[in-house]
C-alpha atoms as a PDB file:
ATOM      1  CA  MET A   1     125.225 125.301 140.353  1.00  0.00           C
ATOM      2  CA  PHE A   2     122.620 126.759 138.033  1.00  0.00           C
ATOM      3  CA  SER A   3     119.829 124.438 139.137  1.00  0.00           C
ATOM      4  CA  ASN A   4     117.400 127.232 139.940  1.00  0.00           C
ATOM      5  CA  ILE A   5     117.939 129.108 136.653  1.00  0.00           C
ATOM      6  CA  GLY A   6     115.508 128.153 133.902  1.00  0.00           C
ATOM      7  CA  TRP A   7     115.964 128.234 130.155  1.00  0.00           C
ATOM      8  CA  SER A   8     114.177 131.568 129.833  1.00  0.00           C
ATOM      9  CA  GLU A   9     116.598 133.201 132.294  1.00  0.00           C
ATOM     10  CA  MET A  10     119.561 131.689 130.451  1.00  0.00           C
ATOM     11  CA  LEU A  11     118.231 133.093 127.170  1.00  0.00           C
ATOM     12  CA  ILE A  12     117.837 136.539 128.739  1.00  0.00           C
ATOM     13  CA  LEU A  13     121.406 136.377 130.077  1.00  0.00           C
ATOM     14  CA  LEU A  14     122.701 135.333 126.659  1.00  0.00           C
ATOM     15  CA  VAL A  15     120.881 138.192 124.917  1.00  0.00           C
ATOM     16  CA  ALA A  16     122.130 140.673 127.545  1.00  0.00           C
ATOM     17  CA  ALA A  17     125.702 139.384 127.108  1.00  0.00           C
ATOM     18  CA  LEU A  18     125.367 139.701 123.334  1.00  0.00           C
ATOM     19  CA  VAL A  19     124.173 143.306 123.665  1.00  0.00           C
ATOM     20  CA  ILE A  20     126.793 144.277 126.269  1.00  0.00           C
ATOM     21  CA  LEU A  21     129.843 142.493 124.832  1.00  0.00           C
ATOM     22  CA  GLY A  22     128.949 142.397 121.168  1.00  0.00           C
ATOM     23  CA  PRO A  23     129.210 139.448 118.803  1.00  0.00           C
ATOM     24  CA  GLU A  24     132.995 139.703 118.383  1.00  0.00           C
ATOM     25  CA  ARG A  25     133.890 139.501 122.117  1.00  0.00           C
ATOM     26  CA  LEU A  26     131.156 137.078 123.229  1.00  0.00           C
ATOM     27  CA  PRO A  27     132.950 133.805 122.243  1.00  0.00           C
ATOM     28  CA  GLY A  28     136.084 134.838 124.153  1.00  0.00           C
ATOM     29  CA  ALA A  29     134.012 135.733 127.225  1.00  0.00           C
ATOM     30  CA  VAL A  30     132.244 132.369 127.094  1.00  0.00           C
ATOM     31  CA  ARG A  31     135.603 130.545 126.821  1.00  0.00           C
ATOM     32  CA  TRP A  32     137.003 132.539 129.761  1.00  0.00           C
ATOM     33  CA  THR A  33     133.897 131.839 131.887  1.00  0.00           C
ATOM     34  CA  THR A  34     133.906 128.092 131.194  1.00  0.00           C
ATOM     35  CA  ARG A  35     137.657 127.879 131.847  1.00  0.00           C
ATOM     36  CA  SER A  36     137.224 129.744 135.154  1.00  0.00           C
ATOM     37  CA  LEU A  37     134.316 127.556 136.267  1.00  0.00           C
ATOM     38  CA  ARG A  38     136.269 124.405 135.391  1.00  0.00           C
ATOM     39  CA  GLN A  39     139.267 125.684 137.354  1.00  0.00           C
ATOM     40  CA  VAL A  40     137.117 126.488 140.420  1.00  0.00           C
ATOM     41  CA  ARG A  41     135.540 123.028 140.239  1.00  0.00           C
ATOM     42  CA  ASP A  42     139.002 121.425 140.017  1.00  0.00           C
ATOM     43  CA  TYR A  43     140.189 123.428 143.035  1.00  0.00           C
ATOM     44  CA  ALA A  44     137.139 122.354 145.047  1.00  0.00           C
ATOM     45  CA  SER A  45     137.525 118.679 144.177  1.00  0.00           C
ATOM     46  CA  GLY A  46     141.277 118.892 144.887  1.00  0.00           C
ATOM     47  CA  ALA A  47     140.615 120.449 148.281  1.00  0.00           C
ATOM     48  CA  THR A  48     138.105 117.710 149.086  1.00  0.00           C
ATOM     49  CA  ALA A  49     140.569 115.012 148.036  1.00  0.00           C
ATOM     50  CA  GLN A  50     143.335 116.627 150.092  1.00  0.00           C
ATOM     51  CA  LEU A  51     141.096 116.810 153.178  1.00  0.00           C
ATOM     52  CA  LYS A  52     140.075 113.198 152.704  1.00  0.00           C
ATOM     53  CA  GLU A  53     143.720 112.169 152.381  1.00  0.00           C
ATOM     54  CA  GLU A  54     144.906 114.126 155.430  1.00  0.00           C
ATOM     55  CA  LEU A  55     142.022 113.312 157.748  1.00  0.00           C
ATOM     56  CA  GLY A  56     141.534 109.710 156.681  1.00  0.00           C
ATOM     57  CA  PRO A  57     138.672 108.031 158.547  1.00  0.00           C
ATOM     58  CA  GLU A  58     137.970 111.212 160.517  1.00  0.00           C
ATOM     59  CA  PHE A  59     136.714 112.816 157.293  1.00  0.00           C
ATOM     60  CA  ASP A  60     133.684 110.511 157.376  1.00  0.00           C
ATOM     61  CA  ASP A  61     133.050 111.613 160.960  1.00  0.00           C
ATOM     62  CA  LEU A  62     132.918 115.205 159.716  1.00  0.00           C
ATOM     63  CA  ARG A  63     130.531 114.316 156.903  1.00  0.00           C
ATOM     64  CA  LYS A  64     128.079 112.403 159.119  1.00  0.00           C
ATOM     65  CA  PRO A  65     126.528 115.491 160.800  1.00  0.00           C
ATOM     66  CA  LEU A  66     126.071 117.077 157.368  1.00  0.00           C
ATOM     67  CA  ALA A  67     124.370 113.932 156.098  1.00  0.00           C
ATOM     68  CA  ASP A  68     122.096 113.949 159.155  1.00  0.00           C
ATOM     69  CA  LEU A  69     121.249 117.593 158.521  1.00  0.00           C
ATOM     70  CA  ASN A  70     120.371 116.845 154.889  1.00  0.00           C
ATOM     71  CA  GLU A  71     118.165 114.001 156.070  1.00  0.00           C
ATOM     72  CA  LEU A  72     116.347 116.381 158.420  1.00  0.00           C
ATOM     73  CA  ARG A  73     115.810 118.845 155.582  1.00  0.00           C
ATOM     74  CA  GLY A  74     113.856 116.232 153.658  1.00  0.00           C
ATOM     75  CA  MET A  75     111.611 115.373 156.592  1.00  0.00           C
ATOM     76  CA  SER A  76     107.962 116.196 156.247  1.00  0.00           C
ATOM     77  CA  PRO A  77     105.394 115.676 159.011  1.00  0.00           C
ATOM     78  CA  ARG A  78     104.247 112.489 157.299  1.00  0.00           C
ATOM     79  CA  ALA A  79     107.835 111.184 157.069  1.00  0.00           C
ATOM     80  CA  VAL A  80     108.487 111.958 160.752  1.00  0.00           C
ATOM     81  CA  VAL A  81     105.349 110.129 161.882  1.00  0.00           C
ATOM     82  CA  THR A  82     106.099 107.203 159.583  1.00  0.00           C
ATOM     83  CA  LYS A  83     109.710 106.898 160.708  1.00  0.00           C
ATOM     84  CA  HIS A  84     109.381 107.425 164.460  1.00  0.00           C
ATOM     85  CA  LEU A  85     105.877 106.309 165.366  1.00  0.00           C
ATOM     86  CA  LEU A  86     105.087 103.678 162.748  1.00  0.00           C
ATOM     87  CA  ASN A  87     108.615 102.204 162.299  1.00  0.00           C
ATOM     88  CA  GLY A  88     108.636 103.023 158.575  1.00  0.00           C
ATOM     89  CA  ASP A  89     105.254 101.392 157.821  1.00  0.00           C
ATOM     90  CA  ASP A  90     103.153 103.937 155.912  1.00  0.00           C
ATOM     91  CA  SER A  91     100.259 101.563 155.162  1.00  0.00           C
ATOM     92  CA  VAL A  92      98.085 103.601 157.550  1.00  0.00           C
ATOM     93  CA  PHE A  93      98.484 106.655 155.334  1.00  0.00           C
ATOM     94  CA  ARG A  94      97.842 104.678 152.152  1.00  0.00           C
ATOM     95  CA  ASP A  95      94.636 103.222 153.625  1.00  0.00           C
ATOM     96  CA  LEU A  96      93.584 106.685 154.729  1.00  0.00           C
ATOM     97  CA  GLN A  97      94.177 108.074 151.250  1.00  0.00           C
ATOM     98  CA  LYS A  98      91.983 105.360 149.772  1.00  0.00           C
ATOM     99  CA  ALA A  99      89.217 106.039 152.297  1.00  0.00           C
ATOM    100  CA  VAL A 100      89.086 109.821 151.843  1.00  0.00           C
ATOM    101  CA  PRO A 101      87.468 110.900 148.563  1.00  0.00           C
ATOM    102  CA  SER A 102      89.688 112.868 146.245  1.00  0.00           C
ATOM    103  CA  LYS A 103      88.870 116.254 144.741  1.00  0.00           C
ATOM    104  CA  ASP A 104      87.920 114.585 141.449  1.00  0.00           C
ATOM    105  CA  ASP A 105      85.467 112.326 143.276  1.00  0.00           C
ATOM    106  CA  LEU A 106      83.801 115.340 144.839  1.00  0.00           C
ATOM    107  CA  LEU A 107      83.647 117.357 141.617  1.00  0.00           C
ATOM    108  CA  GLY A 108      82.656 114.497 139.343  1.00  0.00           C
ATOM    109  CA  THR A 109      84.146 111.899 137.094  1.00  0.00           C
ATOM    110  CA  ALA A 110      86.109 112.460 133.917  1.00  0.00           C
ATOM    111  CA  SER A 111      82.844 112.882 131.992  1.00  0.00           C
ATOM    112  CA  GLY A 112      82.062 115.910 134.116  1.00  0.00           C
ATOM    113  CA  MET A 113      78.952 114.352 135.662  1.00  0.00           C
ATOM    114  CA  PRO A 114      79.116 113.951 139.442  1.00  0.00           C
ATOM    115  CA  ASP A 115      78.320 110.604 141.020  1.00  0.00           C
ATOM    116  CA  HIS A 116      76.040 112.320 143.518  1.00  0.00           C
ATOM    117  CA  PRO A 117      73.888 115.432 143.089  1.00  0.00           C
ATOM    118  CA  MET A 118      75.556 118.682 144.050  1.00  0.00           C
ATOM    119  CA  PRO A 119      73.530 121.084 146.212  1.00  0.00           C
ATOM    120  CA  LYS A 120      72.001 123.927 144.248  1.00  0.00           C
ATOM    121  CA  LEU A 121      73.362 127.339 145.076  1.00  0.00           C
ATOM    122  CA  GLU A 122      70.791 130.018 145.668  1.00  0.00           C
ATOM    123  CA  LYS A 123      71.128 133.431 144.103  1.00  0.00           C
ATOM    124  CA  PRO A 124      72.821 136.067 146.244  1.00  0.00           C
ATOM    125  CA  LEU A 125      70.719 138.514 148.209  1.00  0.00           C
ATOM    126  CA  ALA A 126      69.799 141.758 146.503  1.00  0.00           C
ATOM    127  CA  ARG A 127      70.712 145.078 148.052  1.00  0.00           C
ATOM    128  CA  ASN A 128      68.757 145.761 151.268  1.00  0.00           C
ATOM    129  CA  GLU A 129      67.156 142.294 151.063  1.00  0.00           C
ATOM    130  CA  ARG A 130      66.883 140.406 154.367  1.00  0.00           C
ATOM    131  CA  PRO A 131      67.878 136.756 154.549  1.00  0.00           C
ATOM    132  CA  PRO A 132      65.109 134.271 155.262  1.00  0.00           C
ATOM    133  CA  ILE A 133      64.694 133.228 158.879  1.00  0.00           C
ATOM    134  CA  ASP A 134      64.536 129.572 159.839  1.00  0.00           C
ATOM    135  CA  ASN A 135      62.462 129.388 163.003  1.00  0.00           C
ATOM    136  CA  ASP A 136      63.463 125.779 163.640  1.00  0.00           C
ATOM    137  CA  ALA A 137      67.155 126.668 163.635  1.00  0.00           C
ATOM    138  CA  THR A 138      66.863 129.639 166.010  1.00  0.00           C
END
């Protein structure tokens, strides 16, 4: 329920509740909130159990489209290609990843020294300075 709220946001909410409610009413408010959340969760699980009991095997038929939709949510272009075109075999992508140099390979090793010399960057042109002309390229 609170999966997208971090610890810093929770701390801010706690401090705001402490300022708004005061230290004497805060424990009662926390008890009321937890009791209410537990009751809502119990109602939801009871409703699910009641639906499952009344519908029987048809309940699974209702859940299947939702499961398919959740599967589609997790699909990335790579997963679609792997599943439909390559029959689940992603060895092509792994081989391609090995063949293409990574960013670290291009920038250098862990020691900071590149395996190949990097091209030297020239200084930028000064104001009103014309770039050099390469007659062979034009």
